Amino acid sequence: MFSIQPIIRNILSIFAVAWIGGSSVQAAEPVRELPLAFDVRERIAKPDLGGLARLRFLTTVDFPPFNFIDQSQKLSGFHIDLAREICRILDIEAKCQIQAVTFEELQPALEDGQGEAVIAGVAMTDELRQRFAFTRPFLRLPARFATRLSQGSGGGAGGKAELSAVLAKSIGVVAGTTHEAMLKAFFPAATAQVFPDRAAMLQSLKAGDVNAVFSDGLQLSFWAASPDAAACCRLVDGAYVSEHFLGEGLAIMNRKGDPALTQALDHALLELTRSGRLNEIYLRYFPTGIY
């Protein structure tokens, strides 16, 4: 089963220092609100869930800050809080459960009826869509540019002028990744400087050997705020999303034979979007923003 989790696992140590450990490193950029995933004027009816005996969400423990074991040894994270809020909106809190399994066990556990939904960063592929149902995406993971604080206007002049300054010099990118392909497609005039891995790319940016880098916005936001970056760098204004390169985003997966549950989950996600509660949960775990 394809997953975006390998992308996120790389930030485990950064997240542990910058968020769980209460790092005093300042945010790399101002807080950004979560882009709306739903049209708030839309209406999605709440199905009758009276016959639902249980809603057990299956997740993992190695996908920070989405799901992880916190310092008190409790299952925590964006996905965990979101699942609880969904149950509150649907008025089924007494029937709600959250169970952590390994990522490899998610699909068979759902198929075997050990849970009713998966909320764990499973990418929506054509193969999985043939076998499972998905809610609408509630969060997209963008690509971002990061540059040294000494570049551009230093304090962060936004807009086209800053982007032009960044693109005027070579851009670091990891070889063979979707971000390399995306950089070439979105910015064909840019000069890409490829690196064998993310660590080498970020070290080059930190040392000033490369002007900027283009990579996963989530990883970059946590790295820029971490002690490892030593306050060297910041994210450039502008987030780039692409279904072709980065997929449709994060969604909840459930069995195809339960369309009422899929609709109920979409109803709850819409209500959380409309009320601003989804944005509150997002800012709890992404205080520096990823957009």
C-alpha atoms as a PDB file:
ATOM      1  CA  MET A   1       0.000   0.000   0.000  1.00  0.00           C
ATOM      2  CA  PHE A   2       1.490   3.298  -1.106  1.00  0.00           C
ATOM      3  CA  SER A   3       1.853   5.916   1.606  1.00  0.00           C
ATOM      4  CA  ILE A   4       3.069   9.440   2.178  1.00  0.00           C
ATOM      5  CA  GLN A   5       4.329   8.326   5.583  1.00  0.00           C
ATOM      6  CA  PRO A   6       7.978   7.838   4.525  1.00  0.00           C
ATOM      7  CA  ILE A   7       8.044  11.570   3.754  1.00  0.00           C
ATOM      8  CA  ILE A   8       6.904  12.413   7.260  1.00  0.00           C
ATOM      9  CA  ARG A   9       9.005   9.890   9.166  1.00  0.00           C
ATOM     10  CA  ASN A  10      12.078  11.994   8.358  1.00  0.00           C
ATOM     11  CA  ILE A  11      10.825  14.780  10.629  1.00  0.00           C
ATOM     12  CA  LEU A  12      10.379  12.609  13.739  1.00  0.00           C
ATOM     13  CA  SER A  13      13.504  13.879  15.520  1.00  0.00           C
ATOM     14  CA  ILE A  14      12.863  17.468  14.449  1.00  0.00           C
ATOM     15  CA  PHE A  15       9.277  17.312  15.684  1.00  0.00           C
ATOM     16  CA  ALA A  16      10.309  15.808  19.005  1.00  0.00           C
ATOM     17  CA  VAL A  17      12.608  18.761  19.691  1.00  0.00           C
ATOM     18  CA  ALA A  18      10.628  21.596  18.137  1.00  0.00           C
ATOM     19  CA  TRP A  19       7.154  20.707  19.418  1.00  0.00           C
ATOM     20  CA  ILE A  20       7.017  17.964  22.033  1.00  0.00           C
ATOM     21  CA  GLY A  21      10.104  19.257  23.773  1.00  0.00           C
ATOM     22  CA  GLY A  22       8.913  22.845  23.726  1.00  0.00           C
ATOM     23  CA  SER A  23      11.841  24.294  21.797  1.00  0.00           C
ATOM     24  CA  SER A  24      12.390  28.011  22.218  1.00  0.00           C
ATOM     25  CA  VAL A  25      13.428  28.406  18.585  1.00  0.00           C
ATOM     26  CA  GLN A  26      11.210  31.038  16.992  1.00  0.00           C
ATOM     27  CA  ALA A  27       8.860  30.211  14.161  1.00  0.00           C
ATOM     28  CA  ALA A  28      10.406  30.470  10.731  1.00  0.00           C
ATOM     29  CA  GLU A  29       7.448  32.456   9.398  1.00  0.00           C
ATOM     30  CA  PRO A  30       4.092  33.891  10.509  1.00  0.00           C
ATOM     31  CA  VAL A  31       1.225  31.558  11.328  1.00  0.00           C
ATOM     32  CA  ARG A  32      -0.808  30.594   8.278  1.00  0.00           C
ATOM     33  CA  GLU A  33      -4.428  29.534   8.296  1.00  0.00           C
ATOM     34  CA  LEU A  34      -5.376  26.210   6.799  1.00  0.00           C
ATOM     35  CA  PRO A  35      -6.810  26.647   3.273  1.00  0.00           C
ATOM     36  CA  LEU A  36     -10.461  25.660   3.140  1.00  0.00           C
ATOM     37  CA  ALA A  37     -10.913  22.056   2.050  1.00  0.00           C
ATOM     38  CA  PHE A  38     -14.666  22.444   1.544  1.00  0.00           C
ATOM     39  CA  ASP A  39     -16.992  25.078   0.156  1.00  0.00           C
ATOM     40  CA  VAL A  40     -18.601  26.338   3.360  1.00  0.00           C
ATOM     41  CA  ARG A  41     -21.811  27.090   1.417  1.00  0.00           C
ATOM     42  CA  GLU A  42     -22.153  23.404   0.609  1.00  0.00           C
ATOM     43  CA  ARG A  43     -24.533  21.117   2.463  1.00  0.00           C
ATOM     44  CA  ILE A  44     -23.792  17.467   3.168  1.00  0.00           C
ATOM     45  CA  ALA A  45     -26.639  15.762   4.962  1.00  0.00           C
ATOM     46  CA  LYS A  46     -25.885  13.863   8.154  1.00  0.00           C
ATOM     47  CA  PRO A  47     -26.961  10.214   7.643  1.00  0.00           C
ATOM     48  CA  ASP A  48     -28.798   8.243  10.296  1.00  0.00           C
ATOM     49  CA  LEU A  49     -26.111   6.368  12.238  1.00  0.00           C
ATOM     50  CA  GLY A  50     -28.511   4.773  14.681  1.00  0.00           C
ATOM     51  CA  GLY A  51     -27.539   1.308  13.512  1.00  0.00           C
ATOM     52  CA  LEU A  52     -23.821   1.930  13.887  1.00  0.00           C
ATOM     53  CA  ALA A  53     -22.518  -0.260  16.679  1.00  0.00           C
ATOM     54  CA  ARG A  54     -19.006   1.207  16.688  1.00  0.00           C
ATOM     55  CA  LEU A  55     -16.730   3.613  14.870  1.00  0.00           C
ATOM     56  CA  ARG A  56     -13.165   2.509  15.387  1.00  0.00           C
ATOM     57  CA  PHE A  57     -10.469   4.586  13.708  1.00  0.00           C
ATOM     58  CA  LEU A  58      -7.296   2.700  12.823  1.00  0.00           C
ATOM     59  CA  THR A  59      -4.070   4.680  12.880  1.00  0.00           C
ATOM     60  CA  THR A  60      -0.339   4.309  13.561  1.00  0.00           C
ATOM     61  CA  VAL A  61       2.134   5.731  16.061  1.00  0.00           C
ATOM     62  CA  ASP A  62       4.970   6.748  13.714  1.00  0.00           C
ATOM     63  CA  PHE A  63       3.503   9.622  11.718  1.00  0.00           C
ATOM     64  CA  PRO A  64       4.246  12.783  13.756  1.00  0.00           C
ATOM     65  CA  PRO A  65       2.728  15.274  14.131  1.00  0.00           C
ATOM     66  CA  PHE A  66      -0.306  13.445  12.781  1.00  0.00           C
ATOM     67  CA  ASN A  67      -0.208  10.437  15.116  1.00  0.00           C
ATOM     68  CA  PHE A  68       2.446   9.621  17.705  1.00  0.00           C
ATOM     69  CA  ILE A  69       2.984   8.601  21.321  1.00  0.00           C
ATOM     70  CA  ASP A  70       3.458  11.715  23.467  1.00  0.00           C
ATOM     71  CA  GLN A  71       5.582  12.172  26.574  1.00  0.00           C
ATOM     72  CA  SER A  72       2.818  10.788  28.786  1.00  0.00           C
ATOM     73  CA  GLN A  73       2.726   7.641  26.597  1.00  0.00           C
ATOM     74  CA  LYS A  74      -0.670   8.539  25.156  1.00  0.00           C
ATOM     75  CA  LEU A  75      -1.680   8.373  21.518  1.00  0.00           C
ATOM     76  CA  SER A  76      -1.773  11.958  20.282  1.00  0.00           C
ATOM     77  CA  GLY A  77      -1.621  14.049  17.155  1.00  0.00           C
ATOM     78  CA  PHE A  78      -3.573  15.937  14.531  1.00  0.00           C
ATOM     79  CA  HIS A  79      -5.354  12.813  13.312  1.00  0.00           C
ATOM     80  CA  ILE A  80      -6.253  11.751  16.841  1.00  0.00           C
ATOM     81  CA  ASP A  81      -7.817  15.089  17.739  1.00  0.00           C
ATOM     82  CA  LEU A  82      -9.577  15.176  14.383  1.00  0.00           C
ATOM     83  CA  ALA A  83     -11.087  11.710  14.914  1.00  0.00           C
ATOM     84  CA  ARG A  84     -12.413  12.757  18.320  1.00  0.00           C
ATOM     85  CA  GLU A  85     -13.925  15.925  16.896  1.00  0.00           C
ATOM     86  CA  ILE A  86     -15.594  13.930  14.118  1.00  0.00           C
ATOM     87  CA  CYS A  87     -17.200  11.686  16.713  1.00  0.00           C
ATOM     88  CA  ARG A  88     -18.384  14.734  18.656  1.00  0.00           C
ATOM     89  CA  ILE A  89     -19.965  16.280  15.574  1.00  0.00           C
ATOM     90  CA  LEU A  90     -21.709  12.990  14.752  1.00  0.00           C
ATOM     91  CA  ASP A  91     -22.928  12.595  18.365  1.00  0.00           C
ATOM     92  CA  ILE A  92     -21.426   9.122  18.652  1.00  0.00           C
ATOM     93  CA  GLU A  93     -18.641   9.728  21.154  1.00  0.00           C
ATOM     94  CA  ALA A  94     -19.683   6.723  23.235  1.00  0.00           C
ATOM     95  CA  LYS A  95     -19.259   4.497  20.177  1.00  0.00           C
ATOM     96  CA  CYS A  96     -15.912   5.911  19.080  1.00  0.00           C
ATOM     97  CA  GLN A  97     -12.592   4.165  19.487  1.00  0.00           C
ATOM     98  CA  ILE A  98      -9.063   4.741  18.180  1.00  0.00           C
ATOM     99  CA  GLN A  99      -6.659   1.840  17.761  1.00  0.00           C
ATOM    100  CA  ALA A 100      -3.024   2.004  16.667  1.00  0.00           C
ATOM    101  CA  VAL A 101      -1.514  -0.728  14.493  1.00  0.00           C
ATOM    102  CA  THR A 102       1.514  -0.878  12.232  1.00  0.00           C
ATOM    103  CA  PHE A 103       1.163   0.774   8.854  1.00  0.00           C
ATOM    104  CA  GLU A 104       1.362  -2.604   7.118  1.00  0.00           C
ATOM    105  CA  GLU A 105      -1.594  -3.829   9.183  1.00  0.00           C
ATOM    106  CA  LEU A 106      -3.938  -0.951   8.325  1.00  0.00           C
ATOM    107  CA  GLN A 107      -5.387  -2.321   5.110  1.00  0.00           C
ATOM    108  CA  PRO A 108      -5.944  -5.941   6.223  1.00  0.00           C
ATOM    109  CA  ALA A 109      -7.319  -4.749   9.581  1.00  0.00           C
ATOM    110  CA  LEU A 110      -9.889  -2.587   7.809  1.00  0.00           C
ATOM    111  CA  GLU A 111     -10.801  -5.399   5.431  1.00  0.00           C
ATOM    112  CA  ASP A 112     -11.177  -7.854   8.325  1.00  0.00           C
ATOM    113  CA  GLY A 113     -13.524  -5.546  10.194  1.00  0.00           C
ATOM    114  CA  GLN A 114     -11.131  -4.732  13.017  1.00  0.00           C
ATOM    115  CA  GLY A 115     -11.962  -1.087  12.407  1.00  0.00           C
ATOM    116  CA  GLU A 116     -14.367   1.032  10.410  1.00  0.00           C
ATOM    117  CA  ALA A 117     -12.027   3.779   9.152  1.00  0.00           C
ATOM    118  CA  VAL A 118      -8.327   4.470   8.619  1.00  0.00           C
ATOM    119  CA  ILE A 119      -6.916   7.889   9.477  1.00  0.00           C
ATOM    120  CA  ALA A 120      -3.179   7.546   8.966  1.00  0.00           C
ATOM    121  CA  GLY A 121      -1.796   9.261   5.871  1.00  0.00           C
ATOM    122  CA  VAL A 122      -2.747   6.658   3.280  1.00  0.00           C
ATOM    123  CA  ALA A 123      -2.356   8.060  -0.226  1.00  0.00           C
ATOM    124  CA  MET A 124      -5.414   7.795  -2.464  1.00  0.00           C
ATOM    125  CA  THR A 125      -4.323   5.677  -5.420  1.00  0.00           C
ATOM    126  CA  ASP A 126      -6.444   4.297  -8.263  1.00  0.00           C
ATOM    127  CA  GLU A 127      -5.835   0.779  -6.958  1.00  0.00           C
ATOM    128  CA  LEU A 128      -7.052   1.624  -3.473  1.00  0.00           C
ATOM    129  CA  ARG A 129     -10.061   3.528  -4.805  1.00  0.00           C
ATOM    130  CA  GLN A 130     -11.228   0.334  -6.476  1.00  0.00           C
ATOM    131  CA  ARG A 131     -11.282  -1.428  -3.113  1.00  0.00           C
ATOM    132  CA  PHE A 132     -12.000   1.285  -0.549  1.00  0.00           C
ATOM    133  CA  ALA A 133     -13.947   4.495  -0.137  1.00  0.00           C
ATOM    134  CA  PHE A 134     -12.342   7.817   0.777  1.00  0.00           C
ATOM    135  CA  THR A 135     -13.658  11.030   2.207  1.00  0.00           C
ATOM    136  CA  ARG A 136     -12.820  14.261   0.531  1.00  0.00           C
ATOM    137  CA  PRO A 137      -9.289  15.472   1.287  1.00  0.00           C
ATOM    138  CA  PHE A 138      -9.076  17.618   4.408  1.00  0.00           C
ATOM    139  CA  LEU A 139      -5.401  18.598   4.164  1.00  0.00           C
ATOM    140  CA  ARG A 140      -2.975  18.920   1.281  1.00  0.00           C
ATOM    141  CA  LEU A 141       0.772  18.825   1.817  1.00  0.00           C
ATOM    142  CA  PRO A 142       2.351  21.549  -0.320  1.00  0.00           C
ATOM    143  CA  ALA A 143       5.791  22.019  -1.784  1.00  0.00           C
ATOM    144  CA  ARG A 144       7.661  25.129  -0.628  1.00  0.00           C
ATOM    145  CA  PHE A 145      10.831  27.084  -1.263  1.00  0.00           C
ATOM    146  CA  ALA A 146      13.170  27.777   1.636  1.00  0.00           C
ATOM    147  CA  THR A 147      16.008  30.269   1.528  1.00  0.00           C
ATOM    148  CA  ARG A 148      18.646  31.684   3.839  1.00  0.00           C
ATOM    149  CA  LEU A 149      17.629  34.699   5.924  1.00  0.00           C
ATOM    150  CA  SER A 150      20.344  36.727   4.228  1.00  0.00           C
ATOM    151  CA  GLN A 151      18.779  36.142   0.817  1.00  0.00           C
ATOM    152  CA  GLY A 152      16.293  38.491  -0.797  1.00  0.00           C
ATOM    153  CA  SER A 153      15.240  41.253   1.568  1.00  0.00           C
ATOM    154  CA  GLY A 154      16.357  39.393   4.714  1.00  0.00           C
ATOM    155  CA  GLY A 155      13.199  40.041   6.706  1.00  0.00           C
ATOM    156  CA  GLY A 156      10.993  38.424   4.149  1.00  0.00           C
ATOM    157  CA  ALA A 157       9.616  40.596   1.335  1.00  0.00           C
ATOM    158  CA  GLY A 158       6.832  38.568  -0.109  1.00  0.00           C
ATOM    159  CA  GLY A 159       5.283  38.216  -3.519  1.00  0.00           C
ATOM    160  CA  LYS A 160       6.653  37.932  -7.008  1.00  0.00           C
ATOM    161  CA  ALA A 161       9.738  40.043  -6.311  1.00  0.00           C
ATOM    162  CA  GLU A 162      11.029  37.636  -3.687  1.00  0.00           C
ATOM    163  CA  LEU A 163      10.257  34.581  -5.808  1.00  0.00           C
ATOM    164  CA  SER A 164      12.072  36.123  -8.759  1.00  0.00           C
ATOM    165  CA  ALA A 165      15.121  36.708  -6.577  1.00  0.00           C
ATOM    166  CA  VAL A 166      15.060  33.111  -5.401  1.00  0.00           C
ATOM    167  CA  LEU A 167      14.674  31.727  -8.919  1.00  0.00           C
ATOM    168  CA  ALA A 168      17.494  33.886 -10.244  1.00  0.00           C
ATOM    169  CA  LYS A 169      20.021  31.481  -8.744  1.00  0.00           C
ATOM    170  CA  SER A 170      20.275  27.709  -8.517  1.00  0.00           C
ATOM    171  CA  ILE A 171      17.649  25.811  -6.524  1.00  0.00           C
ATOM    172  CA  GLY A 172      18.583  22.766  -4.469  1.00  0.00           C
ATOM    173  CA  VAL A 173      16.381  19.699  -4.885  1.00  0.00           C
ATOM    174  CA  VAL A 174      16.730  16.000  -4.112  1.00  0.00           C
ATOM    175  CA  ALA A 175      17.456  13.944  -7.220  1.00  0.00           C
ATOM    176  CA  GLY A 176      14.787  11.607  -8.506  1.00  0.00           C
ATOM    177  CA  THR A 177      11.984  12.978  -6.320  1.00  0.00           C
ATOM    178  CA  THR A 178       8.562  14.306  -7.217  1.00  0.00           C
ATOM    179  CA  HIS A 179       9.780  17.706  -6.064  1.00  0.00           C
ATOM    180  CA  GLU A 180      12.541  17.680  -8.670  1.00  0.00           C
ATOM    181  CA  ALA A 181       9.991  16.866 -11.358  1.00  0.00           C
ATOM    182  CA  MET A 182       7.591  19.473  -9.969  1.00  0.00           C
ATOM    183  CA  LEU A 183      10.275  22.174  -9.942  1.00  0.00           C
ATOM    184  CA  LYS A 184      11.080  21.518 -13.589  1.00  0.00           C
ATOM    185  CA  ALA A 185       7.386  21.534 -14.539  1.00  0.00           C
ATOM    186  CA  PHE A 186       6.342  24.603 -12.536  1.00  0.00           C
ATOM    187  CA  PHE A 187       9.534  26.624 -13.018  1.00  0.00           C
ATOM    188  CA  PRO A 188      11.155  25.449 -16.283  1.00  0.00           C
ATOM    189  CA  ALA A 189      13.573  28.390 -16.339  1.00  0.00           C
ATOM    190  CA  ALA A 190      14.962  27.577 -12.881  1.00  0.00           C
ATOM    191  CA  THR A 191      18.407  26.020 -12.550  1.00  0.00           C
ATOM    192  CA  ALA A 192      18.168  22.902 -10.413  1.00  0.00           C
ATOM    193  CA  GLN A 193      21.126  21.763  -8.345  1.00  0.00           C
ATOM    194  CA  VAL A 194      20.466  18.141  -7.426  1.00  0.00           C
ATOM    195  CA  PHE A 195      21.531  16.451  -4.208  1.00  0.00           C
ATOM    196  CA  PRO A 196      21.613  12.734  -3.340  1.00  0.00           C
ATOM    197  CA  ASP A 197      19.417  13.157  -0.266  1.00  0.00           C
ATOM    198  CA  ARG A 198      17.546  15.687   1.846  1.00  0.00           C
ATOM    199  CA  ALA A 199      20.247  15.978   4.509  1.00  0.00           C
ATOM    200  CA  ALA A 200      22.884  16.998   1.964  1.00  0.00           C
ATOM    201  CA  MET A 201      20.504  19.502   0.392  1.00  0.00           C
ATOM    202  CA  LEU A 202      19.664  21.188   3.701  1.00  0.00           C
ATOM    203  CA  GLN A 203      23.293  21.268   4.808  1.00  0.00           C
ATOM    204  CA  SER A 204      24.195  23.024   1.576  1.00  0.00           C
ATOM    205  CA  LEU A 205      21.452  25.586   2.156  1.00  0.00           C
ATOM    206  CA  LYS A 206      22.553  26.132   5.745  1.00  0.00           C
ATOM    207  CA  ALA A 207      26.168  26.620   4.643  1.00  0.00           C
ATOM    208  CA  GLY A 208      25.155  29.078   1.940  1.00  0.00           C
ATOM    209  CA  ASP A 209      26.427  26.902  -0.877  1.00  0.00           C
ATOM    210  CA  VAL A 210      23.011  26.981  -2.526  1.00  0.00           C
ATOM    211  CA  ASN A 211      20.613  29.913  -2.741  1.00  0.00           C
ATOM    212  CA  ALA A 212      17.371  28.084  -1.952  1.00  0.00           C
ATOM    213  CA  VAL A 213      15.780  24.648  -1.901  1.00  0.00           C
ATOM    214  CA  PHE A 214      12.460  23.246  -3.089  1.00  0.00           C
ATOM    215  CA  SER A 215      10.971  20.416  -1.074  1.00  0.00           C
ATOM    216  CA  ASP A 216       8.087  19.211   1.102  1.00  0.00           C
ATOM    217  CA  GLY A 217       6.597  22.187   2.950  1.00  0.00           C
ATOM    218  CA  LEU A 218       5.881  20.211   6.102  1.00  0.00           C
ATOM    219  CA  GLN A 219       9.448  18.990   6.482  1.00  0.00           C
ATOM    220  CA  LEU A 220      10.867  22.406   5.652  1.00  0.00           C
ATOM    221  CA  SER A 221       8.673  24.202   8.198  1.00  0.00           C
ATOM    222  CA  PHE A 222       9.805  21.957  11.054  1.00  0.00           C
ATOM    223  CA  TRP A 223      13.435  21.970   9.955  1.00  0.00           C
ATOM    224  CA  ALA A 224      13.584  25.778   9.683  1.00  0.00           C
ATOM    225  CA  ALA A 225      12.260  26.060  13.266  1.00  0.00           C
ATOM    226  CA  SER A 226      14.585  23.389  14.658  1.00  0.00           C
ATOM    227  CA  PRO A 227      17.968  23.739  16.394  1.00  0.00           C
ATOM    228  CA  ASP A 228      19.538  21.884  13.466  1.00  0.00           C
ATOM    229  CA  ALA A 229      18.806  24.832  11.184  1.00  0.00           C
ATOM    230  CA  ALA A 230      20.345  27.261  13.706  1.00  0.00           C
ATOM    231  CA  ALA A 231      17.918  30.014  12.617  1.00  0.00           C
ATOM    232  CA  CYS A 232      19.619  30.145   9.230  1.00  0.00           C
ATOM    233  CA  CYS A 233      16.653  29.944   6.975  1.00  0.00           C
ATOM    234  CA  ARG A 234      13.008  30.658   6.347  1.00  0.00           C
ATOM    235  CA  LEU A 235      10.267  29.584   4.002  1.00  0.00           C
ATOM    236  CA  VAL A 236       9.496  31.783   1.031  1.00  0.00           C
ATOM    237  CA  ASP A 237       5.931  33.030   0.632  1.00  0.00           C
ATOM    238  CA  GLY A 238       3.910  30.761  -1.593  1.00  0.00           C
ATOM    239  CA  ALA A 239       2.777  27.135  -1.295  1.00  0.00           C
ATOM    240  CA  TYR A 240       2.486  24.880  -4.326  1.00  0.00           C
ATOM    241  CA  VAL A 241       0.047  21.989  -4.561  1.00  0.00           C
ATOM    242  CA  SER A 242      -0.408  19.550  -7.406  1.00  0.00           C
ATOM    243  CA  GLU A 243      -2.525  16.414  -7.552  1.00  0.00           C
ATOM    244  CA  HIS A 244      -0.367  15.152 -10.390  1.00  0.00           C
ATOM    245  CA  PHE A 245       2.876  15.374  -8.410  1.00  0.00           C
ATOM    246  CA  LEU A 246       1.813  15.347  -4.751  1.00  0.00           C
ATOM    247  CA  GLY A 247      -1.479  13.458  -4.776  1.00  0.00           C
ATOM    248  CA  GLU A 248      -4.926  14.527  -3.641  1.00  0.00           C
ATOM    249  CA  GLY A 249      -4.029  15.046   0.002  1.00  0.00           C
ATOM    250  CA  LEU A 250      -4.972  13.463   3.311  1.00  0.00           C
ATOM    251  CA  ALA A 251      -8.345  11.761   3.641  1.00  0.00           C
ATOM    252  CA  ILE A 252     -10.065   9.084   5.717  1.00  0.00           C
ATOM    253  CA  MET A 253     -10.400   5.611   4.206  1.00  0.00           C
ATOM    254  CA  ASN A 254     -13.255   3.197   4.920  1.00  0.00           C
ATOM    255  CA  ARG A 255     -14.913   0.196   3.336  1.00  0.00           C
ATOM    256  CA  LYS A 256     -16.811   0.717   0.087  1.00  0.00           C
ATOM    257  CA  GLY A 257     -19.843  -1.122   1.397  1.00  0.00           C
ATOM    258  CA  ASP A 258     -20.629   1.623   3.900  1.00  0.00           C
ATOM    259  CA  PRO A 259     -21.484   4.777   1.913  1.00  0.00           C
ATOM    260  CA  ALA A 260     -23.475   6.174   4.843  1.00  0.00           C
ATOM    261  CA  LEU A 261     -20.314   6.268   6.950  1.00  0.00           C
ATOM    262  CA  THR A 262     -18.364   7.988   4.171  1.00  0.00           C
ATOM    263  CA  GLN A 263     -21.084  10.616   3.912  1.00  0.00           C
ATOM    264  CA  ALA A 264     -21.169  11.024   7.690  1.00  0.00           C
ATOM    265  CA  LEU A 265     -17.415  11.578   7.788  1.00  0.00           C
ATOM    266  CA  ASP A 266     -17.666  14.153   4.995  1.00  0.00           C
ATOM    267  CA  HIS A 267     -20.506  15.858   6.869  1.00  0.00           C
ATOM    268  CA  ALA A 268     -18.362  16.104   9.996  1.00  0.00           C
ATOM    269  CA  LEU A 269     -15.334  17.384   8.084  1.00  0.00           C
ATOM    270  CA  LEU A 270     -17.487  20.061   6.457  1.00  0.00           C
ATOM    271  CA  GLU A 271     -18.897  21.155   9.793  1.00  0.00           C
ATOM    272  CA  LEU A 272     -15.421  21.322  11.323  1.00  0.00           C
ATOM    273  CA  THR A 273     -14.263  23.403   8.377  1.00  0.00           C
ATOM    274  CA  ARG A 274     -17.240  25.749   8.588  1.00  0.00           C
ATOM    275  CA  SER A 275     -16.880  26.303  12.324  1.00  0.00           C
ATOM    276  CA  GLY A 276     -13.124  26.916  12.143  1.00  0.00           C
ATOM    277  CA  ARG A 277     -12.458  23.983  14.444  1.00  0.00           C
ATOM    278  CA  LEU A 278     -10.413  22.159  11.794  1.00  0.00           C
ATOM    279  CA  ASN A 279      -8.168  25.214  11.545  1.00  0.00           C
ATOM    280  CA  GLU A 280      -7.774  25.286  15.349  1.00  0.00           C
ATOM    281  CA  ILE A 281      -6.581  21.677  15.359  1.00  0.00           C
ATOM    282  CA  TYR A 282      -4.227  22.416  12.464  1.00  0.00           C
ATOM    283  CA  LEU A 283      -2.627  25.356  14.284  1.00  0.00           C
ATOM    284  CA  ARG A 284      -2.209  23.246  17.414  1.00  0.00           C
ATOM    285  CA  TYR A 285       0.140  20.897  15.582  1.00  0.00           C
ATOM    286  CA  PHE A 286       1.488  23.237  12.883  1.00  0.00           C
ATOM    287  CA  PRO A 287       1.944  26.527  14.765  1.00  0.00           C
ATOM    288  CA  THR A 288       4.323  27.939  12.143  1.00  0.00           C
ATOM    289  CA  GLY A 289       2.039  26.923   9.291  1.00  0.00           C
ATOM    290  CA  ILE A 290       2.933  24.893   6.225  1.00  0.00           C
ATOM    291  CA  TYR A 291       1.267  27.146   3.610  1.00  0.00           C
END
